[in-house]
Amino acid sequence: MSVTTHQPALLGVNYWPAYSGPKMWRDFRPHEIELDLAALKDVGVDYLRAFLFWPDFMPTPSRVEPEMLDKLEQFLDLCTAADLKVHLSFLVGHMSGENWSPAWLPDPTQLYADPRLLDIQALYLREVTARVGGHPALAAYVLSNEMPIYGGVGTKATVGGWAERLCGVLAEVEPRLPVSLGDGAWYCLGDETGFDPEHAQDILGPHLYMAETDAGRQIAAYGLAVGTASALAHGRGVWLEEYGASQNTFGEAQIAEFAGRVATEARLQGASHICWWCGLDFDLIHDLPYFHHGFELRFGLLNADRTPKLAAAALREAVRAPLPELPEVGLLVTSFLPERYPFSWDDRDYVKRALRNSYAALRNLGYLPRIVPENEFLAGTVEVPDILLVPSTQKLLAPTWGKLAEHAGRVIYSYFHGALDIHTGAWVHDAGAFFGALPHNRYGLSETAPTELVANGERWPLPAHANALATTPLLLDPEQLGDAELIGSDEGGRPLWVRTGNRDLLLYPLEALAQSPAEVEPIYRALLASVKTIAQQARQPEAVAGDD
């Protein structure tokens, strides 16, 4: 199974003019903008994400400023002349480290649910689209710019009502264009904002800025987020709507390498649009927000003088290059990452570390991880590759354990005891059935951590950690393994890799504790080779007596 494509992605930039930043509409200079657009087109940009600075466009609750609409129409004409499409963002109150509201709006957190404010937002969208909705430069609408930062965290119900109301307004505009909420899709990272992939929207558009201590895990973090969006999209578009890097203390060549690697990974995970923050650098040290967020001045694909940075060529190549066809391995993401279940205390850093190490190790071994969110797995609404990995997982929903045992392919699961001193141990209700034998860990106590995995004449070192609970293995009696087959032990002979039914079970949280994906790769190589051998044997027809 493969969903990779050789189709190029479209390359976009988030755009403010080099001379003005967010003051563009008050200080509108068509010739300067024309030069910006030509320079961006020259380096291969296909579209702009453009921003309507809300305080400028709606000075009163009942008035959309005609002068600003004139400038918007002129701007779109310039984009058409430059052969650039536009994704138009409406509710722009947050921008680059500062929130701005129209003078009449004292509290933007009321935007989701206040009936009067919903009417005002609907009026704003109608007035703007009545003027420019048919413009040939337009290719998409974006409701906001990172609304959870501007409007705050809402409930799923109130945010869902807001999205349905405003997307409904844009659905009436001809021609019908795809709509993104502009929220950043941070639920893909496990963040709780009130926004949800099930809300009205045509595009899921992650905004991603992620740091790591390992280069492979950093790229894995981007791949996981975009792959999660693809798994939740159910046929809708997935765009990497915003990512970037400031050339403050970070090298130009290093940024170019990062930009290209992330773009390639996003395409492998289903993104059809790649949009860099931002188009140009600014020399606006005395202007807000740059006065206090100086690093925001140097995110450009182009320098302030419109000369290209190295990232421009790297991105142009990355969005157009053919993608490899890679064998896929499913990567199950526990629902305890995005959901906040009652009275479940979680250290999500271990979950994220496990997923990123697992993803990066698979990529280094030549596989493409296919993200399988737990709830989608339970509902049967996501394709699951033959091999499904469940890395360093303590908590799953009660039905999921049985569903894993029913998977038609092979499951590779690694045990995690938990890192907190409450509700330790895997949250499995029938451990004997899942593991093939009854564990005998002592309640509420840590157990001695293994240092090696020994199997098939080979020995692999295991990562250590200062948290003794986190390094606690699942203990099975080698003399009472029941339905479990012993494949590998630790250095003291305790079972550490067993097989039962469709499952290969590693009884130690390799991925959650590894400092680098390189610590995971050798054991993954052995695990994957073993389960592929089993799968091949299962596919071979049994010999029939008398056959030659």
Protein backbone atom coordinates (compact mmCIF):
# COMPACT_ATOMS: atom_id res chain seq x y z
CA MET A 1 0.00 0.00 0.00
CA SER A 2 1.38 3.41 -0.92
CA VAL A 3 -0.09 6.88 -1.21
CA THR A 4 3.05 8.67 -2.33
CA THR A 5 2.81 10.66 -5.52
CA HIS A 6 5.09 12.04 -8.15
CA GLN A 7 2.89 15.11 -8.55
CA PRO A 8 4.75 18.29 -7.59
CA ALA A 9 3.45 20.34 -4.69
CA LEU A 10 2.58 24.01 -5.05
CA LEU A 11 5.03 26.39 -3.38
CA GLY A 12 3.68 29.37 -1.47
CA VAL A 13 4.92 32.10 0.82
CA ASN A 14 3.15 34.07 3.51
CA TYR A 15 3.37 37.63 2.24
CA TRP A 16 3.89 41.09 3.62
CA PRO A 17 5.83 43.65 1.55
CA ALA A 18 9.46 44.14 2.50
CA TYR A 19 8.95 47.88 3.01
CA SER A 20 5.94 47.70 5.35
CA GLY A 21 5.14 44.43 7.05
CA PRO A 22 1.57 44.54 8.42
CA LYS A 23 1.26 48.27 7.59
CA MET A 24 0.84 47.28 3.93
CA TRP A 25 -2.74 48.46 3.56
CA ARG A 26 -2.21 51.84 5.22
CA ASP A 27 0.97 52.42 3.24
CA PHE A 28 0.08 50.83 -0.08
CA ARG A 29 2.87 51.12 -2.69
CA PRO A 30 1.89 49.23 -5.83
CA HIS A 31 5.29 49.52 -7.50
CA GLU A 32 7.15 48.10 -4.48
CA ILE A 33 4.64 45.25 -4.27
CA GLU A 34 4.99 44.60 -7.99
CA LEU A 35 8.75 44.22 -7.56
CA ASP A 36 8.25 41.84 -4.61
CA LEU A 37 5.86 39.67 -6.61
CA ALA A 38 8.16 39.49 -9.62
CA ALA A 39 11.08 38.45 -7.42
CA LEU A 40 9.02 35.77 -5.71
CA LYS A 41 7.76 34.42 -9.02
CA ASP A 42 11.33 34.28 -10.31
CA VAL A 43 12.35 31.83 -7.57
CA GLY A 44 9.44 29.49 -8.27
CA VAL A 45 6.69 30.67 -5.92
CA ASP A 46 3.19 29.66 -7.08
CA TYR A 47 0.96 31.43 -4.58
CA LEU A 48 0.82 33.88 -1.69
CA ARG A 49 -1.02 33.65 1.59
CA ALA A 50 -2.10 37.28 1.95
CA PHE A 51 -3.49 38.91 5.08
CA LEU A 52 -6.29 41.42 5.56
CA PHE A 53 -5.22 43.33 8.67
CA TRP A 54 -8.57 43.44 10.41
CA PRO A 55 -8.24 46.82 12.22
CA ASP A 56 -7.58 48.47 8.84
CA PHE A 57 -10.36 46.71 6.96
CA MET A 58 -13.15 47.04 9.53
CA PRO A 59 -12.84 50.31 11.48
CA THR A 60 -16.40 50.04 12.84
CA PRO A 61 -18.65 47.02 13.45
CA SER A 62 -20.84 47.94 10.49
CA ARG A 63 -18.29 49.25 8.00
CA VAL A 64 -15.80 47.48 5.78
CA GLU A 65 -13.52 50.27 4.57
CA PRO A 66 -14.07 50.88 0.81
CA GLU A 67 -10.57 52.34 0.42
CA MET A 68 -9.06 49.11 1.70
CA LEU A 69 -11.22 47.06 -0.66
CA ASP A 70 -9.94 49.22 -3.52
CA LYS A 71 -6.37 48.44 -2.48
CA LEU A 72 -7.18 44.74 -2.13
CA GLU A 73 -8.59 44.65 -5.63
CA GLN A 74 -5.49 46.40 -6.95
CA PHE A 75 -3.28 43.95 -5.07
CA LEU A 76 -5.10 40.99 -6.60
CA ASP A 77 -4.68 42.56 -10.04
CA LEU A 78 -0.93 42.77 -9.39
CA CYS A 79 -0.90 39.09 -8.40
CA THR A 80 -2.71 38.12 -11.59
CA ALA A 81 -0.19 40.09 -13.63
CA ALA A 82 2.63 38.28 -11.83
CA ASP A 83 0.95 34.87 -12.37
CA LEU A 84 0.62 34.29 -8.62
CA LYS A 85 -2.45 32.86 -6.92
CA VAL A 86 -3.69 34.11 -3.54
CA HIS A 87 -4.97 32.40 -0.40
CA LEU A 88 -6.81 35.25 1.31
CA SER A 89 -6.80 35.40 5.13
CA PHE A 90 -9.64 37.42 6.69
CA LEU A 91 -9.58 37.64 10.49
CA VAL A 92 -6.02 38.80 10.98
CA GLY A 93 -5.65 40.05 14.52
CA HIS A 94 -2.58 38.01 15.46
CA MET A 95 0.66 38.59 13.61
CA SER A 96 4.24 37.67 14.46
CA GLY A 97 4.21 38.11 18.21
CA GLU A 98 1.49 40.75 18.63
CA ASN A 99 -2.28 40.80 18.75
CA TRP A 100 -4.22 43.70 17.25
CA SER A 101 -7.98 44.11 17.39
CA PRO A 102 -10.28 46.68 15.82
CA ALA A 103 -10.96 49.51 18.28
CA TRP A 104 -14.55 48.35 18.72
CA LEU A 105 -13.53 44.82 19.83
CA PRO A 106 -12.38 44.81 23.47
CA ASP A 107 -12.28 41.02 23.90
CA PRO A 108 -11.49 38.77 20.92
CA THR A 109 -12.13 35.66 23.03
CA GLN A 110 -15.85 36.35 22.50
CA LEU A 111 -15.57 35.94 18.72
CA TYR A 112 -16.50 32.25 18.72
CA ALA A 113 -19.85 32.45 20.48
CA ASP A 114 -21.19 36.00 20.87
CA PRO A 115 -24.15 36.27 18.42
CA ARG A 116 -23.50 39.94 17.67
CA LEU A 117 -19.81 39.30 16.97
CA LEU A 118 -20.65 36.33 14.76
CA ASP A 119 -22.94 38.60 12.74
CA ILE A 120 -20.15 41.17 12.41
CA GLN A 121 -17.65 38.55 11.21
CA ALA A 122 -20.18 37.22 8.71
CA LEU A 123 -20.78 40.76 7.44
CA TYR A 124 -17.05 41.27 7.03
CA LEU A 125 -16.66 38.12 4.94
CA ARG A 126 -19.68 38.99 2.81
CA GLU A 127 -18.50 42.53 2.11
CA VAL A 128 -15.00 41.46 1.14
CA THR A 129 -16.13 38.59 -1.08
CA ALA A 130 -18.87 40.70 -2.66
CA ARG A 131 -16.08 42.94 -3.92
CA VAL A 132 -13.37 40.44 -4.88
CA GLY A 133 -14.91 36.94 -4.65
CA GLY A 134 -14.83 36.46 -8.40
CA HIS A 135 -11.25 37.66 -8.86
CA PRO A 136 -9.14 35.23 -10.91
CA ALA A 137 -6.16 35.57 -8.55
CA LEU A 138 -8.02 33.92 -5.68
CA ALA A 139 -7.43 30.21 -5.12
CA ALA A 140 -8.48 29.70 -1.47
CA TYR A 141 -9.84 31.40 1.61
CA VAL A 142 -8.33 31.25 5.10
CA LEU A 143 -10.64 32.33 7.91
CA SER A 144 -7.97 33.52 10.33
CA ASN A 145 -4.32 33.67 11.19
CA GLU A 146 -3.79 31.31 14.13
CA MET A 147 -7.14 31.99 15.73
CA PRO A 148 -6.32 30.05 18.94
CA ILE A 149 -3.67 32.68 19.71
CA TYR A 150 -5.98 35.60 18.90
CA GLY A 151 -9.40 34.33 19.96
CA GLY A 152 -8.06 32.01 22.61
CA VAL A 153 -8.83 28.38 23.33
CA GLY A 154 -12.52 27.63 22.93
CA THR A 155 -14.67 24.57 23.41
CA LYS A 156 -15.12 22.22 20.47
CA ALA A 157 -18.80 23.16 20.38
CA THR A 158 -18.31 26.93 20.27
CA VAL A 159 -15.41 26.78 17.82
CA GLY A 160 -17.38 24.33 15.68
CA GLY A 161 -20.34 26.70 15.56
CA TRP A 162 -18.03 29.58 14.61
CA ALA A 163 -16.44 27.54 11.81
CA GLU A 164 -19.79 26.34 10.48
CA ARG A 165 -21.24 29.86 10.42
CA LEU A 166 -18.31 31.51 8.64
CA CYS A 167 -17.55 28.63 6.27
CA GLY A 168 -21.24 28.75 5.38
CA VAL A 169 -20.85 32.39 4.34
CA LEU A 170 -17.91 31.54 2.08
CA ALA A 171 -19.74 28.54 0.62
CA GLU A 172 -22.25 30.97 -0.87
CA VAL A 173 -19.54 32.79 -2.84
CA GLU A 174 -19.09 31.93 -6.51
CA PRO A 175 -16.79 30.47 -7.58
CA ARG A 176 -16.65 28.11 -4.60
CA LEU A 177 -13.10 28.05 -3.24
CA PRO A 178 -11.59 25.75 -0.62
CA VAL A 179 -11.57 27.12 2.92
CA SER A 180 -8.97 26.63 5.65
CA LEU A 181 -9.66 27.75 9.20
CA GLY A 182 -6.13 29.13 9.59
CA ASP A 183 -6.02 27.70 13.11
CA GLY A 184 -2.70 25.91 12.66
CA ALA A 185 -4.23 22.43 13.11
CA TRP A 186 -2.33 22.07 16.36
CA TYR A 187 -4.49 19.12 17.36
CA CYS A 188 -2.06 17.22 15.12
CA LEU A 189 0.58 17.91 17.78
CA GLY A 190 -1.64 16.90 20.68
CA ASP A 191 -2.47 20.51 21.62
CA GLU A 192 -5.93 21.34 22.90
CA THR A 193 -7.32 24.50 21.24
CA GLY A 194 -10.99 23.76 20.70
CA PHE A 195 -10.38 23.34 16.97
CA ASP A 196 -11.10 19.91 15.57
CA PRO A 197 -10.60 18.18 12.21
CA GLU A 198 -14.32 17.39 12.16
CA HIS A 199 -15.25 21.08 12.07
CA ALA A 200 -16.41 22.64 8.81
CA GLN A 201 -13.36 23.18 6.56
CA ASP A 202 -12.04 21.99 3.22
CA ILE A 203 -8.35 22.10 4.12
CA LEU A 204 -6.39 20.93 7.14
CA GLY A 205 -3.41 23.27 7.31
CA PRO A 206 -0.77 22.71 10.00
CA HIS A 207 1.43 25.64 11.11
CA LEU A 208 4.62 24.07 12.45
CA TYR A 209 7.71 25.38 14.23
CA MET A 210 9.44 22.58 16.12
CA ALA A 211 12.81 22.21 17.81
CA GLU A 212 14.49 18.93 18.73
CA THR A 213 17.81 17.59 19.96
CA ASP A 214 18.17 15.17 17.05
CA ALA A 215 17.91 16.08 13.35
CA GLY A 216 16.04 12.92 12.43
CA ARG A 217 13.51 13.43 15.21
CA GLN A 218 12.98 17.02 14.11
CA ILE A 219 12.01 15.98 10.59
CA ALA A 220 9.96 13.16 12.11
CA ALA A 221 8.01 15.71 14.16
CA TYR A 222 6.97 17.50 10.97
CA GLY A 223 6.16 14.24 9.22
CA LEU A 224 4.06 13.06 12.15
CA ALA A 225 2.04 16.28 12.21
CA VAL A 226 1.33 16.33 8.47
CA GLY A 227 0.72 12.57 8.44
CA THR A 228 -1.76 12.94 11.28
CA ALA A 229 -3.57 15.66 9.34
CA SER A 230 -3.73 13.36 6.31
CA ALA A 231 -5.16 10.54 8.42
CA LEU A 232 -7.83 12.88 9.82
CA ALA A 233 -8.66 14.63 6.54
CA HIS A 234 -10.92 11.93 5.05
CA GLY A 235 -10.45 13.13 1.49
CA ARG A 236 -10.04 16.82 2.21
CA GLY A 237 -6.86 18.65 1.27
CA VAL A 238 -3.79 18.80 3.50
CA TRP A 239 -1.49 21.79 3.13
CA LEU A 240 1.59 22.65 5.15
CA GLU A 241 0.14 26.12 5.52
CA GLU A 242 3.04 27.63 7.43
CA TYR A 243 6.54 26.75 8.52
CA GLY A 244 9.83 28.57 8.41
CA ALA A 245 13.09 29.48 10.11
CA SER A 246 14.61 32.82 11.06
CA GLN A 247 18.12 33.56 9.90
CA ASN A 248 19.05 35.15 13.20
CA THR A 249 21.51 32.74 14.81
CA PHE A 250 20.80 29.97 12.29
CA GLY A 251 22.92 29.56 9.19
CA GLU A 252 21.55 30.18 5.71
CA ALA A 253 22.79 26.84 4.38
CA GLN A 254 21.41 25.02 7.42
CA ILE A 255 18.00 26.66 6.95
CA ALA A 256 17.98 25.67 3.29
CA GLU A 257 18.68 22.03 4.16
CA PHE A 258 15.94 22.10 6.81
CA ALA A 259 13.44 23.73 4.44
CA GLY A 260 13.98 21.14 1.74
CA ARG A 261 13.87 18.15 4.07
CA VAL A 262 10.63 19.26 5.71
CA ALA A 263 9.00 19.98 2.34
CA THR A 264 9.91 16.52 1.07
CA GLU A 265 8.63 14.86 4.25
CA ALA A 266 5.38 16.82 4.12
CA ARG A 267 4.83 15.70 0.52
CA LEU A 268 5.50 12.08 1.47
CA GLN A 269 2.80 12.47 4.12
CA GLY A 270 0.25 13.87 1.68
CA ALA A 271 0.69 17.66 1.63
CA SER A 272 -0.09 19.17 -1.78
CA HIS A 273 0.85 22.77 -0.84
CA ILE A 274 4.00 23.92 0.97
CA CYS A 275 3.95 27.50 2.28
CA TRP A 276 7.06 29.14 3.75
CA TRP A 277 7.01 31.85 6.39
CA CYS A 278 7.66 34.29 4.90
CA GLY A 279 8.28 35.89 1.52
CA LEU A 280 10.77 38.61 2.40
CA ASP A 281 12.93 39.92 5.22
CA PHE A 282 12.06 43.30 6.73
CA ASP A 283 14.18 46.24 7.91
CA LEU A 284 11.60 47.54 10.37
CA ILE A 285 13.34 47.46 13.75
CA HIS A 286 11.24 50.30 15.21
CA ASP A 287 7.87 48.87 14.12
CA LEU A 288 5.68 46.50 16.09
CA PRO A 289 5.89 43.57 16.42
CA TYR A 290 9.52 43.58 15.31
CA PHE A 291 10.58 46.12 17.96
CA HIS A 292 10.24 43.37 20.58
CA HIS A 293 10.40 40.29 18.30
CA GLY A 294 13.53 41.11 16.33
CA PHE A 295 14.03 37.56 15.08
CA GLU A 296 10.77 37.94 13.10
CA LEU A 297 12.60 40.28 10.71
CA ARG A 298 14.67 37.50 9.12
CA PHE A 299 12.26 34.73 8.10
CA GLY A 300 12.23 35.68 4.41
CA LEU A 301 12.70 33.40 1.44
CA LEU A 302 14.22 36.54 -0.06
CA ASN A 303 16.38 39.17 1.56
CA ALA A 304 14.87 42.63 2.06
CA ASP A 305 16.58 43.70 -1.19
CA ARG A 306 14.70 40.86 -2.96
CA THR A 307 17.78 38.72 -3.63
CA PRO A 308 17.08 35.03 -3.00
CA LYS A 309 18.38 33.08 -0.05
CA LEU A 310 19.58 29.50 -0.42
CA ALA A 311 16.25 28.21 0.87
CA ALA A 312 14.55 29.42 -2.32
CA ALA A 313 16.41 26.94 -4.52
CA ALA A 314 16.09 24.18 -1.92
CA LEU A 315 12.32 24.59 -1.73
CA ARG A 316 11.90 24.84 -5.48
CA GLU A 317 13.71 21.53 -5.87
CA ALA A 318 11.93 19.84 -2.95
CA VAL A 319 8.40 20.60 -4.13
CA ARG A 320 9.09 19.39 -7.68
CA ALA A 321 11.38 16.39 -7.27
CA PRO A 322 9.88 12.92 -7.79
CA LEU A 323 9.09 11.11 -4.57
CA PRO A 324 10.24 7.55 -3.90
CA GLU A 325 7.85 4.64 -3.61
CA LEU A 326 8.55 3.28 -0.14
CA PRO A 327 7.18 0.28 1.74
CA GLU A 328 4.83 1.44 4.47
CA VAL A 329 4.64 0.62 8.15
CA GLY A 330 1.72 1.86 10.22
CA LEU A 331 2.47 3.96 13.30
CA LEU A 332 -0.33 3.95 15.87
CA VAL A 333 -0.76 7.23 17.76
CA THR A 334 -2.49 6.75 21.10
CA SER A 335 -5.56 8.93 21.58
CA PHE A 336 -4.16 9.89 24.98
CA LEU A 337 -1.87 12.32 23.11
CA PRO A 338 -4.54 14.61 21.58
CA GLU A 339 -7.35 13.88 24.05
CA ARG A 340 -7.56 14.93 27.70
CA TYR A 341 -9.38 12.04 29.31
CA PRO A 342 -10.59 12.67 32.87
CA PHE A 343 -8.17 11.76 35.65
CA SER A 344 -5.48 10.60 33.27
CA TRP A 345 -2.20 12.25 34.15
CA ASP A 346 0.30 11.96 31.33
CA ASP A 347 3.83 13.03 30.54
CA ARG A 348 3.33 13.60 26.83
CA ASP A 349 7.03 14.20 26.25
CA TYR A 350 7.63 10.45 26.48
CA VAL A 351 4.84 9.78 23.98
CA LYS A 352 6.22 12.33 21.54
CA ARG A 353 9.78 11.07 21.96
CA ALA A 354 8.64 7.51 21.28
CA LEU A 355 6.70 8.45 18.16
CA ARG A 356 9.50 10.62 16.78
CA ASN A 357 12.21 8.05 17.43
CA SER A 358 10.05 5.35 15.87
CA TYR A 359 9.26 7.48 12.82
CA ALA A 360 12.88 8.53 12.30
CA ALA A 361 14.18 4.98 12.69
CA LEU A 362 11.68 3.70 10.13
CA ARG A 363 12.68 6.41 7.66
CA ASN A 364 16.36 5.62 8.13
CA LEU A 365 15.59 1.97 7.42
CA GLY A 366 13.85 2.85 4.15
CA TYR A 367 10.20 2.74 5.25
CA LEU A 368 7.47 5.33 5.09
CA PRO A 369 5.53 5.57 8.37
CA ARG A 370 1.78 5.80 7.77
CA ILE A 371 0.14 7.55 10.72
CA VAL A 372 -2.78 5.65 12.28
CA PRO A 373 -4.62 7.68 14.96
CA GLU A 374 -6.12 5.37 17.58
CA ASN A 375 -9.71 6.59 17.23
CA GLU A 376 -9.54 6.23 13.44
CA PHE A 377 -8.12 2.73 13.90
CA LEU A 378 -11.01 1.78 16.17
CA ALA A 379 -13.59 3.27 13.81
CA GLY A 380 -12.07 1.61 10.74
CA THR A 381 -11.82 4.96 8.95
CA VAL A 382 -8.10 4.83 8.16
CA GLU A 383 -6.05 2.49 6.00
CA VAL A 384 -3.69 0.37 8.07
CA PRO A 385 -0.56 -1.17 6.51
CA ASP A 386 0.14 -4.85 7.03
CA ILE A 387 2.73 -4.08 9.71
CA LEU A 388 1.49 -1.82 12.52
CA LEU A 389 3.91 -0.40 15.10
CA VAL A 390 2.73 0.65 18.56
CA PRO A 391 5.83 2.21 20.12
CA SER A 392 6.41 2.54 23.89
CA THR A 393 2.72 2.73 24.71
CA GLN A 394 1.26 2.65 28.21
CA LYS A 395 -2.29 3.85 27.54
CA LEU A 396 -4.80 2.85 24.90
CA LEU A 397 -8.58 2.83 24.98
CA ALA A 398 -9.96 -0.44 26.35
CA PRO A 399 -11.30 -1.74 22.98
CA THR A 400 -8.02 -1.01 21.19
CA TRP A 401 -6.09 -3.86 22.79
CA GLY A 402 -8.49 -6.40 21.33
CA LYS A 403 -8.61 -4.58 18.00
CA LEU A 404 -4.82 -4.87 17.74
CA ALA A 405 -5.10 -8.62 18.27
CA GLU A 406 -7.61 -8.75 15.40
CA HIS A 407 -5.40 -6.86 12.93
CA ALA A 408 -5.03 -8.96 9.80
CA GLY A 409 -1.33 -8.15 9.51
CA ARG A 410 1.44 -8.10 12.09
CA VAL A 411 1.60 -5.85 15.17
CA ILE A 412 4.84 -4.75 16.83
CA TYR A 413 4.19 -3.36 20.31
CA SER A 414 6.68 -2.09 22.89
CA TYR A 415 5.72 -1.84 26.54
CA PHE A 416 5.85 1.36 28.59
CA HIS A 417 5.28 1.21 32.33
CA GLY A 418 4.69 4.96 32.68
CA ALA A 419 6.88 7.72 34.07
CA LEU A 420 4.61 9.13 36.79
CA ASP A 421 4.02 7.63 40.22
CA ILE A 422 0.30 7.14 39.71
CA HIS A 423 -1.62 4.54 37.71
CA THR A 424 1.57 2.79 36.58
CA GLY A 425 1.65 -0.18 34.24
CA ALA A 426 0.03 -0.54 30.84
CA TRP A 427 -3.69 0.20 30.94
CA VAL A 428 -4.61 -3.20 29.53
CA HIS A 429 -7.53 -5.07 31.09
CA ASP A 430 -6.61 -8.57 29.86
CA ALA A 431 -2.84 -8.69 29.95
CA GLY A 432 -2.74 -12.48 29.74
CA ALA A 433 -4.61 -12.47 26.45
CA PHE A 434 -2.65 -9.60 24.92
CA PHE A 435 0.84 -10.69 26.01
CA GLY A 436 0.15 -14.43 25.82
CA ALA A 437 1.21 -14.92 29.45
CA LEU A 438 0.48 -13.34 32.83
CA PRO A 439 2.89 -10.60 33.95
CA HIS A 440 4.17 -10.59 37.54
CA ASN A 441 5.42 -7.04 38.15
CA ARG A 442 5.18 -5.84 41.76
CA TYR A 443 2.43 -3.30 42.30
CA GLY A 444 3.57 0.31 42.63
CA LEU A 445 7.27 -0.54 42.42
CA SER A 446 9.90 -0.17 39.76
CA GLU A 447 11.79 -3.19 38.46
CA THR A 448 15.42 -3.53 37.46
CA ALA A 449 16.00 -2.19 33.98
CA PRO A 450 17.53 -4.46 31.36
CA THR A 451 20.70 -3.31 29.61
CA GLU A 452 20.69 -5.61 26.55
CA LEU A 453 18.35 -7.46 24.24
CA VAL A 454 19.71 -10.89 23.28
CA ALA A 455 18.09 -12.73 20.37
CA ASN A 456 19.15 -15.01 17.53
CA GLY A 457 22.78 -14.90 18.59
CA GLU A 458 22.93 -11.11 18.60
CA ARG A 459 23.08 -8.57 21.41
CA TRP A 460 21.79 -5.01 21.25
CA PRO A 461 22.31 -2.37 23.94
CA LEU A 462 19.18 -0.81 25.42
CA PRO A 463 18.83 2.86 26.36
CA ALA A 464 18.94 3.82 30.03
CA HIS A 465 17.14 6.62 31.87
CA ALA A 466 17.23 8.18 35.34
CA ASN A 467 13.50 7.55 35.87
CA ALA A 468 13.30 4.05 37.34
CA LEU A 469 9.57 3.76 36.65
CA ALA A 470 10.08 4.61 32.99
CA THR A 471 12.74 1.91 32.63
CA THR A 472 10.64 -0.80 34.29
CA PRO A 473 10.16 -3.75 31.91
CA LEU A 474 7.12 -6.02 31.79
CA LEU A 475 8.05 -9.18 33.67
CA LEU A 476 7.02 -12.59 32.32
CA ASP A 477 8.08 -15.90 33.85
CA PRO A 478 10.22 -17.79 31.28
CA GLU A 479 8.88 -21.06 32.70
CA GLN A 480 5.24 -19.99 32.36
CA LEU A 481 4.98 -18.28 29.00
CA GLY A 482 1.66 -19.85 28.11
CA ASP A 483 0.78 -18.91 24.52
CA ALA A 484 3.80 -16.63 24.18
CA GLU A 485 6.86 -17.78 22.25
CA LEU A 486 10.20 -16.57 23.58
CA ILE A 487 12.24 -14.79 20.90
CA GLY A 488 14.68 -12.72 22.94
CA SER A 489 15.79 -12.14 26.54
CA ASP A 490 17.69 -9.53 28.50
CA GLU A 491 21.24 -10.06 29.74
CA GLY A 492 19.90 -11.92 32.79
CA GLY A 493 17.61 -14.28 30.89
CA ARG A 494 14.34 -12.47 31.53
CA PRO A 495 11.96 -12.56 28.52
CA LEU A 496 12.16 -9.31 26.59
CA TRP A 497 10.84 -10.17 23.13
CA VAL A 498 7.92 -12.57 22.86
CA ARG A 499 5.52 -13.50 20.11
CA THR A 500 1.87 -14.40 20.48
CA GLY A 501 -0.79 -14.51 17.79
CA ASN A 502 -0.23 -11.66 15.35
CA ARG A 503 1.93 -9.72 17.81
CA ASP A 504 5.64 -9.29 18.41
CA LEU A 505 5.98 -7.74 21.87
CA LEU A 506 9.06 -5.89 23.09
CA LEU A 507 8.75 -5.65 26.86
CA TYR A 508 10.80 -2.45 27.27
CA PRO A 509 10.13 1.14 26.04
CA LEU A 510 12.96 1.31 23.54
CA GLU A 511 11.62 4.31 21.61
CA ALA A 512 10.59 6.44 24.59
CA LEU A 513 14.04 6.24 26.19
CA ALA A 514 16.39 6.32 23.20
CA GLN A 515 18.50 9.45 22.94
CA SER A 516 18.76 8.96 19.19
CA PRO A 517 16.89 7.02 16.49
CA ALA A 518 20.22 5.26 15.89
CA GLU A 519 19.63 3.36 19.15
CA VAL A 520 16.29 2.14 17.81
CA GLU A 521 17.32 1.15 14.29
CA PRO A 522 19.22 -2.12 14.94
CA ILE A 523 16.39 -3.61 17.00
CA TYR A 524 13.80 -2.39 14.50
CA ARG A 525 15.80 -4.01 11.72
CA ALA A 526 15.64 -7.34 13.54
CA LEU A 527 11.96 -6.96 14.49
CA LEU A 528 10.87 -6.00 10.98
CA ALA A 529 12.92 -8.74 9.34
CA SER A 530 11.38 -11.28 11.69
CA VAL A 531 7.76 -10.21 11.19
CA LYS A 532 8.23 -9.97 7.41
CA THR A 533 9.53 -13.54 7.40
CA ILE A 534 6.43 -14.66 9.29
CA ALA A 535 4.18 -12.78 6.90
CA GLN A 536 5.89 -14.35 3.88
CA GLN A 537 5.54 -17.83 5.36
CA ALA A 538 1.85 -17.20 6.02
CA ARG A 539 1.33 -16.29 2.37
CA GLN A 540 3.01 -19.45 1.03
CA PRO A 541 0.46 -22.18 0.15
CA GLU A 542 0.85 -25.44 2.00
CA ALA A 543 2.23 -28.32 -0.02
CA VAL A 544 -0.40 -30.82 -1.17
CA ALA A 545 0.42 -34.57 -1.21
CA GLY A 546 1.25 -35.71 -4.72
CA ASP A 547 2.36 -32.29 -5.93
CA ASP A 548 5.69 -32.14 -7.70
